[in-house]
Amino acid sequence: MKMNERFNWAVEMLHVHPDDRILEIGCGHGIAVSLIAPQLKKGFITAIDSSPAMIDKAIRKNAGLKASFVNGSLIEAPLKDRQFDKIFAFNVNVFHKDAEKELELIRDYLAPLGALYIFHQPPPTDNIDVVKSFADKISGELAKGGYLIRDVLYKRISPSPCVCIISQPSVIAGSSRATA
């Protein structure tokens, strides 16, 4: 499995700018952080993971880089009063299920015009329909949570194609939630 290839593509899709404020949900060992942090000048990256072991590995891997790490779930994370230009997650299962609470928090954490990027690479398959099925599930959860899908992108990477769903909260000026 070419893990770095999928993270390189993800970071490319984020179009990181030097002043971006970025949140990674489910950072694992911090591979994406190690690709993003060197690109930041005035900006920063915060990465959260529910596994203390993964956070420890991410901290060691990214020592000396402009990054902060939080152990806990998105619901538990002490991120109050922080705003992010870009929030992303790679293979975080909550976005396939009932993600209502998480999507509401993300809405609060996103800066105006900020975007949410959900990446997924399923278990090994050559069948693009499997990846499209995940994209449909994730897009459905996002729509149910009040997000507009800006783009759905695919990339053929070994051992399975990946998908990137880019979305933004559907907000009417002066309102925190869209009306149906």
C-alpha atoms as a PDB file:
ATOM      1  CA  MET A   1       0.000   0.000   0.000  1.00  0.00           C
ATOM      2  CA  LYS A   2       1.370   3.377  -0.996  1.00  0.00           C
ATOM      3  CA  MET A   3       0.165   5.314   2.029  1.00  0.00           C
ATOM      4  CA  ASN A   4       2.143   8.447   1.242  1.00  0.00           C
ATOM      5  CA  GLU A   5       0.674   8.537  -2.262  1.00  0.00           C
ATOM      6  CA  ARG A   6      -2.839   8.924  -0.865  1.00  0.00           C
ATOM      7  CA  PHE A   7      -1.735  11.580   1.616  1.00  0.00           C
ATOM      8  CA  ASN A   8       0.210  13.447  -1.076  1.00  0.00           C
ATOM      9  CA  TRP A   9      -2.970  13.536  -3.161  1.00  0.00           C
ATOM     10  CA  ALA A  10      -5.043  14.664  -0.167  1.00  0.00           C
ATOM     11  CA  VAL A  11      -2.665  17.519   0.599  1.00  0.00           C
ATOM     12  CA  GLU A  12      -2.669  18.484  -3.086  1.00  0.00           C
ATOM     13  CA  MET A  13      -6.496  18.654  -2.967  1.00  0.00           C
ATOM     14  CA  LEU A  14      -6.348  20.936   0.094  1.00  0.00           C
ATOM     15  CA  HIS A  15      -4.416  23.596  -1.861  1.00  0.00           C
ATOM     16  CA  VAL A  16      -2.566  24.661   1.301  1.00  0.00           C
ATOM     17  CA  HIS A  17      -1.770  28.380   1.555  1.00  0.00           C
ATOM     18  CA  PRO A  18       0.881  29.739   3.961  1.00  0.00           C
ATOM     19  CA  ASP A  19      -1.730  31.425   6.191  1.00  0.00           C
ATOM     20  CA  ASP A  20      -4.280  28.564   6.280  1.00  0.00           C
ATOM     21  CA  ARG A  21      -5.703  27.440   9.591  1.00  0.00           C
ATOM     22  CA  ILE A  22      -6.223  23.698   9.213  1.00  0.00           C
ATOM     23  CA  LEU A  23      -7.794  20.973  11.367  1.00  0.00           C
ATOM     24  CA  GLU A  24      -7.193  17.297  10.711  1.00  0.00           C
ATOM     25  CA  ILE A  25      -9.665  14.873  12.274  1.00  0.00           C
ATOM     26  CA  GLY A  26      -8.163  11.428  12.902  1.00  0.00           C
ATOM     27  CA  CYS A  27      -4.500  12.206  12.264  1.00  0.00           C
ATOM     28  CA  GLY A  28      -3.088   8.747  12.997  1.00  0.00           C
ATOM     29  CA  HIS A  29       0.732   8.918  13.006  1.00  0.00           C
ATOM     30  CA  GLY A  30       0.688  12.441  11.570  1.00  0.00           C
ATOM     31  CA  ILE A  31       1.638  11.729   7.958  1.00  0.00           C
ATOM     32  CA  ALA A  32      -0.547  14.514   6.539  1.00  0.00           C
ATOM     33  CA  VAL A  33       0.688  16.925   9.230  1.00  0.00           C
ATOM     34  CA  SER A  34       4.292  16.281   8.125  1.00  0.00           C
ATOM     35  CA  LEU A  35       3.308  17.240   4.556  1.00  0.00           C
ATOM     36  CA  ILE A  36       1.241  20.306   5.487  1.00  0.00           C
ATOM     37  CA  ALA A  37       3.120  21.970   8.378  1.00  0.00           C
ATOM     38  CA  PRO A  38       6.231  22.928   6.328  1.00  0.00           C
ATOM     39  CA  GLN A  39       3.965  24.847   3.903  1.00  0.00           C
ATOM     40  CA  LEU A  40       2.528  27.048   6.668  1.00  0.00           C
ATOM     41  CA  LYS A  41       4.044  30.411   7.567  1.00  0.00           C
ATOM     42  CA  LYS A  42       1.404  32.465   9.398  1.00  0.00           C
ATOM     43  CA  GLY A  43      -1.067  29.590   9.473  1.00  0.00           C
ATOM     44  CA  PHE A  44      -1.171  26.490  11.637  1.00  0.00           C
ATOM     45  CA  ILE A  45      -2.398  22.911  11.706  1.00  0.00           C
ATOM     46  CA  THR A  46      -4.152  21.246  14.617  1.00  0.00           C
ATOM     47  CA  ALA A  47      -4.548  17.470  14.493  1.00  0.00           C
ATOM     48  CA  ILE A  48      -6.788  15.342  16.688  1.00  0.00           C
ATOM     49  CA  ASP A  49      -6.994  11.592  17.196  1.00  0.00           C
ATOM     50  CA  SER A  50      -8.801   9.465  19.745  1.00  0.00           C
ATOM     51  CA  SER A  51      -5.806   7.134  20.191  1.00  0.00           C
ATOM     52  CA  PRO A  52      -3.154   8.257  22.695  1.00  0.00           C
ATOM     53  CA  ALA A  53      -0.622   5.977  20.954  1.00  0.00           C
ATOM     54  CA  MET A  54      -1.276   7.615  17.568  1.00  0.00           C
ATOM     55  CA  ILE A  55      -1.001  11.117  19.037  1.00  0.00           C
ATOM     56  CA  ASP A  56       2.327  10.178  20.663  1.00  0.00           C
ATOM     57  CA  LYS A  57       3.628   8.891  17.305  1.00  0.00           C
ATOM     58  CA  ALA A  58       2.353  12.006  15.501  1.00  0.00           C
ATOM     59  CA  ILE A  59       4.043  14.307  18.020  1.00  0.00           C
ATOM     60  CA  ARG A  60       7.367  12.452  17.672  1.00  0.00           C
ATOM     61  CA  LYS A  61       7.116  12.360  13.846  1.00  0.00           C
ATOM     62  CA  ASN A  62       6.410  16.102  13.661  1.00  0.00           C
ATOM     63  CA  ALA A  63       8.728  17.427  16.363  1.00  0.00           C
ATOM     64  CA  GLY A  64       9.855  20.947  15.498  1.00  0.00           C
ATOM     65  CA  LEU A  65       7.056  21.606  13.002  1.00  0.00           C
ATOM     66  CA  LYS A  66       4.342  24.232  13.437  1.00  0.00           C
ATOM     67  CA  ALA A  67       1.628  21.807  14.571  1.00  0.00           C
ATOM     68  CA  SER A  68      -0.424  21.086  17.658  1.00  0.00           C
ATOM     69  CA  PHE A  69      -1.972  17.768  18.632  1.00  0.00           C
ATOM     70  CA  VAL A  70      -5.043  16.922  20.678  1.00  0.00           C
ATOM     71  CA  ASN A  71      -5.921  13.504  22.048  1.00  0.00           C
ATOM     72  CA  GLY A  72      -9.661  12.841  21.967  1.00  0.00           C
ATOM     73  CA  SER A  73     -12.645  12.702  19.668  1.00  0.00           C
ATOM     74  CA  LEU A  74     -13.929  15.718  17.789  1.00  0.00           C
ATOM     75  CA  ILE A  75     -16.779  15.949  20.299  1.00  0.00           C
ATOM     76  CA  GLU A  76     -14.330  15.972  23.252  1.00  0.00           C
ATOM     77  CA  ALA A  77     -11.586  18.113  21.723  1.00  0.00           C
ATOM     78  CA  PRO A  78     -10.941  21.452  23.454  1.00  0.00           C
ATOM     79  CA  LEU A  79     -11.161  23.494  20.255  1.00  0.00           C
ATOM     80  CA  LYS A  80     -13.702  26.060  21.415  1.00  0.00           C
ATOM     81  CA  ASP A  81     -13.263  29.545  19.976  1.00  0.00           C
ATOM     82  CA  ARG A  82     -11.027  28.260  17.147  1.00  0.00           C
ATOM     83  CA  GLN A  83     -11.849  28.795  13.502  1.00  0.00           C
ATOM     84  CA  PHE A  84     -10.358  26.833  10.635  1.00  0.00           C
ATOM     85  CA  ASP A  85     -10.205  27.577   6.920  1.00  0.00           C
ATOM     86  CA  LYS A  86      -9.977  23.894   6.050  1.00  0.00           C
ATOM     87  CA  ILE A  87     -11.020  20.838   8.003  1.00  0.00           C
ATOM     88  CA  PHE A  88     -10.260  17.391   6.667  1.00  0.00           C
ATOM     89  CA  ALA A  89     -10.460  13.722   7.556  1.00  0.00           C
ATOM     90  CA  PHE A  90      -9.148  10.622   5.816  1.00  0.00           C
ATOM     91  CA  ASN A  91     -10.951   7.290   6.392  1.00  0.00           C
ATOM     92  CA  VAL A  92     -12.844   8.507   9.458  1.00  0.00           C
ATOM     93  CA  ASN A  93     -15.837   6.173   9.736  1.00  0.00           C
ATOM     94  CA  VAL A  94     -18.165   8.616  11.513  1.00  0.00           C
ATOM     95  CA  PHE A  95     -18.796  10.318   8.168  1.00  0.00           C
ATOM     96  CA  HIS A  96     -20.351   7.099   6.777  1.00  0.00           C
ATOM     97  CA  LYS A  97     -22.835   6.889   9.636  1.00  0.00           C
ATOM     98  CA  ASP A  98     -24.866   9.358  11.672  1.00  0.00           C
ATOM     99  CA  ALA A  99     -22.458  12.300  11.811  1.00  0.00           C
ATOM    100  CA  GLU A 100     -24.987  14.944  12.869  1.00  0.00           C
ATOM    101  CA  LYS A 101     -23.181  16.035  16.072  1.00  0.00           C
ATOM    102  CA  GLU A 102     -19.783  16.084  14.390  1.00  0.00           C
ATOM    103  CA  LEU A 103     -21.055  18.050  11.393  1.00  0.00           C
ATOM    104  CA  GLU A 104     -22.674  20.617  13.678  1.00  0.00           C
ATOM    105  CA  LEU A 105     -19.356  21.096  15.514  1.00  0.00           C
ATOM    106  CA  ILE A 106     -17.489  21.355  12.229  1.00  0.00           C
ATOM    107  CA  ARG A 107     -19.946  24.044  11.112  1.00  0.00           C
ATOM    108  CA  ASP A 108     -19.018  26.035  14.242  1.00  0.00           C
ATOM    109  CA  TYR A 109     -15.276  25.491  13.677  1.00  0.00           C
ATOM    110  CA  LEU A 110     -15.253  26.497  10.013  1.00  0.00           C
ATOM    111  CA  ALA A 111     -14.348  30.098   9.243  1.00  0.00           C
ATOM    112  CA  PRO A 112     -16.637  31.946   6.823  1.00  0.00           C
ATOM    113  CA  LEU A 113     -16.069  30.413   3.380  1.00  0.00           C
ATOM    114  CA  GLY A 114     -14.172  27.523   5.014  1.00  0.00           C
ATOM    115  CA  ALA A 115     -14.422  24.031   3.533  1.00  0.00           C
ATOM    116  CA  LEU A 116     -14.688  20.467   4.785  1.00  0.00           C
ATOM    117  CA  TYR A 117     -12.734  17.799   2.885  1.00  0.00           C
ATOM    118  CA  ILE A 118     -13.636  14.153   3.486  1.00  0.00           C
ATOM    119  CA  PHE A 119     -11.274  11.620   1.933  1.00  0.00           C
ATOM    120  CA  HIS A 120     -11.884   7.892   1.749  1.00  0.00           C
ATOM    121  CA  GLN A 121      -9.979   4.928   0.383  1.00  0.00           C
ATOM    122  CA  PRO A 122     -11.833   1.621   0.808  1.00  0.00           C
ATOM    123  CA  PRO A 123     -10.182  -1.769   1.350  1.00  0.00           C
ATOM    124  CA  PRO A 124      -8.344  -3.107  -1.720  1.00  0.00           C
ATOM    125  CA  THR A 125     -10.507  -3.105  -4.854  1.00  0.00           C
ATOM    126  CA  ASP A 126     -10.242  -2.144  -8.506  1.00  0.00           C
ATOM    127  CA  ASN A 127     -13.981  -1.473  -8.636  1.00  0.00           C
ATOM    128  CA  ILE A 128     -14.643   2.269  -8.857  1.00  0.00           C
ATOM    129  CA  ASP A 129     -18.311   1.573  -8.019  1.00  0.00           C
ATOM    130  CA  VAL A 130     -17.235   0.606  -4.473  1.00  0.00           C
ATOM    131  CA  VAL A 131     -15.573   4.002  -4.069  1.00  0.00           C
ATOM    132  CA  LYS A 132     -18.586   5.761  -5.606  1.00  0.00           C
ATOM    133  CA  SER A 133     -20.824   3.972  -3.096  1.00  0.00           C
ATOM    134  CA  PHE A 134     -18.748   5.393  -0.225  1.00  0.00           C
ATOM    135  CA  ALA A 135     -18.863   8.822  -1.883  1.00  0.00           C
ATOM    136  CA  ASP A 136     -22.660   8.599  -2.086  1.00  0.00           C
ATOM    137  CA  LYS A 137     -22.963   7.597   1.613  1.00  0.00           C
ATOM    138  CA  ILE A 138     -20.654  10.377   2.747  1.00  0.00           C
ATOM    139  CA  SER A 139     -22.343  12.948   0.481  1.00  0.00           C
ATOM    140  CA  GLY A 140     -25.715  11.871   1.892  1.00  0.00           C
ATOM    141  CA  GLU A 141     -24.510  12.405   5.472  1.00  0.00           C
ATOM    142  CA  LEU A 142     -23.119  15.804   4.538  1.00  0.00           C
ATOM    143  CA  ALA A 143     -26.374  16.858   2.851  1.00  0.00           C
ATOM    144  CA  LYS A 144     -28.391  15.594   5.825  1.00  0.00           C
ATOM    145  CA  GLY A 145     -26.108  17.695   8.053  1.00  0.00           C
ATOM    146  CA  GLY A 146     -26.785  20.860   6.056  1.00  0.00           C
ATOM    147  CA  TYR A 147     -23.704  20.898   3.816  1.00  0.00           C
ATOM    148  CA  LEU A 148     -23.489  21.697   0.122  1.00  0.00           C
ATOM    149  CA  ILE A 149     -21.262  19.428  -1.938  1.00  0.00           C
ATOM    150  CA  ARG A 150     -18.830  21.574  -3.935  1.00  0.00           C
ATOM    151  CA  ASP A 151     -16.982  18.730  -5.638  1.00  0.00           C
ATOM    152  CA  VAL A 152     -16.441  14.973  -5.651  1.00  0.00           C
ATOM    153  CA  LEU A 153     -13.020  13.950  -6.974  1.00  0.00           C
ATOM    154  CA  TYR A 154     -11.545  10.501  -7.597  1.00  0.00           C
ATOM    155  CA  LYS A 155      -7.944   9.326  -7.864  1.00  0.00           C
ATOM    156  CA  ARG A 156      -6.723   5.865  -8.851  1.00  0.00           C
ATOM    157  CA  ILE A 157      -4.165   4.890  -6.229  1.00  0.00           C
ATOM    158  CA  SER A 158      -3.015   1.420  -5.242  1.00  0.00           C
ATOM    159  CA  PRO A 159      -4.609  -0.654  -3.712  1.00  0.00           C
ATOM    160  CA  SER A 160      -7.950   1.192  -4.215  1.00  0.00           C
ATOM    161  CA  PRO A 161      -9.185   4.381  -5.813  1.00  0.00           C
ATOM    162  CA  CYS A 162      -9.700   7.298  -3.403  1.00  0.00           C
ATOM    163  CA  VAL A 163     -12.451   9.883  -3.217  1.00  0.00           C
ATOM    164  CA  CYS A 164     -12.419  13.459  -1.946  1.00  0.00           C
ATOM    165  CA  ILE A 165     -15.732  15.131  -1.141  1.00  0.00           C
ATOM    166  CA  ILE A 166     -15.405  18.890  -0.710  1.00  0.00           C
ATOM    167  CA  SER A 167     -18.287  20.631   1.024  1.00  0.00           C
ATOM    168  CA  GLN A 168     -19.319  23.794   2.807  1.00  0.00           C
ATOM    169  CA  PRO A 169     -22.104  24.505   5.264  1.00  0.00           C
ATOM    170  CA  SER A 170     -25.189  25.739   3.466  1.00  0.00           C
ATOM    171  CA  VAL A 171     -25.587  29.018   5.327  1.00  0.00           C
ATOM    172  CA  ILE A 172     -27.980  31.815   4.589  1.00  0.00           C
ATOM    173  CA  ALA A 173     -26.543  35.226   5.529  1.00  0.00           C
ATOM    174  CA  GLY A 174     -27.186  35.901   9.203  1.00  0.00           C
ATOM    175  CA  SER A 175     -28.281  32.330   9.889  1.00  0.00           C
ATOM    176  CA  SER A 176     -26.200  29.516  11.351  1.00  0.00           C
ATOM    177  CA  ARG A 177     -28.306  26.798   9.708  1.00  0.00           C
ATOM    178  CA  ALA A 178     -29.799  26.574   6.281  1.00  0.00           C
ATOM    179  CA  THR A 179     -33.537  26.367   5.993  1.00  0.00           C
ATOM    180  CA  ALA A 180     -35.129  23.637   3.940  1.00  0.00           C
END
